[in-house]
């Protein structure tokens, strides 16, 4: 089985909170992004954060959820300069919190 995301939309593969709460299972690449050009089967990378318990996935198990969302198909424009902002070039950890 496979997916075909409609043009102008993207698919976001999101974790299921119950798996994290009950079994310590997380998605490695969350959210995973699927563009409308992809055709085929979805694969989900799981991470077991519980070193004491093995987690087995069986056919039909609900391990993730797919959110379809409209996207803007914008064309990049080269700018001669960028406008100022309070954050500026501050990246990870720059908010001080």
Protein backbone atom coordinates (compact mmCIF):
# COMPACT_ATOMS: atom_id res chain seq x y z
CA UNK A 1 0.00 0.00 0.00
CA UNK A 2 1.23 3.52 -0.65
CA UNK A 3 0.37 7.20 -0.49
CA UNK A 4 -0.10 9.98 -3.00
CA UNK A 5 -0.14 13.39 -1.33
CA UNK A 6 -2.26 15.90 -3.30
CA UNK A 7 -0.44 18.74 -5.09
CA UNK A 8 -0.26 21.84 -2.88
CA UNK A 9 -0.18 19.69 0.27
CA UNK A 10 2.43 18.00 2.44
CA UNK A 11 2.20 15.01 4.73
CA UNK A 12 3.67 15.28 8.22
CA UNK A 13 4.37 11.99 10.02
CA UNK A 14 3.76 12.63 13.71
CA UNK A 15 4.27 10.50 16.84
CA UNK A 16 1.48 8.96 18.87
CA UNK A 17 1.63 10.25 22.44
CA UNK A 18 0.42 6.96 23.92
CA UNK A 19 3.44 5.07 22.58
CA UNK A 20 5.78 7.57 24.21
CA UNK A 21 3.89 7.56 27.49
CA UNK A 22 3.35 3.81 27.79
CA UNK A 23 6.44 2.37 26.06
CA UNK A 24 9.03 5.15 25.67
CA UNK A 25 8.76 5.01 21.87
CA UNK A 26 9.71 8.15 19.91
CA UNK A 27 9.96 8.98 16.23
CA UNK A 28 13.55 9.68 15.18
CA UNK A 29 12.70 12.17 12.44
CA UNK A 30 9.61 13.91 13.76
CA UNK A 31 7.88 15.40 12.07
CA UNK A 32 8.78 13.51 8.94
CA UNK A 33 7.93 15.48 5.80
CA UNK A 34 6.41 13.83 2.72
CA UNK A 35 6.09 15.98 -0.38
CA UNK A 36 3.45 15.63 -3.06
CA UNK A 37 5.90 14.09 -5.51
CA UNK A 38 6.46 10.95 -3.44
CA UNK A 39 4.58 7.77 -4.33
CA UNK A 40 4.85 4.65 -2.26
CA UNK A 41 4.94 3.05 1.13
CA UNK A 42 5.62 5.10 4.25
CA UNK A 43 8.34 4.01 6.62
CA UNK A 44 8.62 5.28 10.17
CA UNK A 45 11.87 5.32 12.16
CA UNK A 46 11.16 4.42 15.78
CA UNK A 47 13.45 4.88 18.78
CA UNK A 48 12.95 2.84 21.93
CA UNK A 49 14.09 5.05 24.82
CA UNK A 50 13.44 2.33 27.40
CA UNK A 51 16.67 0.31 27.82
CA UNK A 52 14.91 -2.33 29.91
CA UNK A 53 12.00 -3.26 27.62
CA UNK A 54 11.90 -4.61 24.08
CA UNK A 55 9.20 -3.10 21.88
CA UNK A 56 7.83 -5.17 19.02
CA UNK A 57 5.75 -3.77 16.16
CA UNK A 58 3.11 -6.07 14.73
CA UNK A 59 1.25 -5.65 11.43
CA UNK A 60 -1.68 -3.29 11.94
CA UNK A 61 -0.17 -1.52 14.97
CA UNK A 62 -0.78 2.22 15.05
CA UNK A 63 2.73 3.64 15.46
CA UNK A 64 2.39 7.13 13.92
CA UNK A 65 -0.15 9.48 12.43
CA UNK A 66 -0.18 11.33 9.12
CA UNK A 67 -1.31 14.95 8.97
CA UNK A 68 -2.09 16.36 5.52
CA UNK A 69 -1.71 20.13 5.41
CA UNK A 70 -1.88 22.74 2.65
CA UNK A 71 1.42 24.42 1.85
CA UNK A 72 2.43 27.66 0.14
CA UNK A 73 4.26 27.05 -3.11
CA UNK A 74 6.41 30.17 -2.91
CA UNK A 75 9.20 31.19 -5.25
CA UNK A 76 12.41 32.30 -3.47
CA UNK A 77 13.51 35.85 -4.22
CA UNK A 78 17.09 37.02 -3.76
CA UNK A 79 17.25 40.09 -1.53
CA UNK A 80 19.97 42.72 -1.54
CA UNK A 81 19.57 43.12 2.24
CA UNK A 82 17.50 41.70 5.09
CA UNK A 83 15.30 43.79 7.37
CA UNK A 84 16.29 44.09 11.02
CA UNK A 85 14.57 42.04 13.74
CA UNK A 86 14.90 41.75 17.52
CA UNK A 87 16.34 38.23 17.17
CA UNK A 88 18.70 39.00 14.32
CA UNK A 89 21.01 36.07 13.54
CA UNK A 90 20.49 34.46 16.96
CA UNK A 91 20.00 30.72 16.56
CA UNK A 92 19.79 27.82 19.02
CA UNK A 93 19.67 29.05 22.61
CA UNK A 94 19.68 32.73 21.66
CA UNK A 95 16.46 33.54 23.53
CA UNK A 96 18.21 33.08 26.88
CA UNK A 97 15.56 30.67 28.16
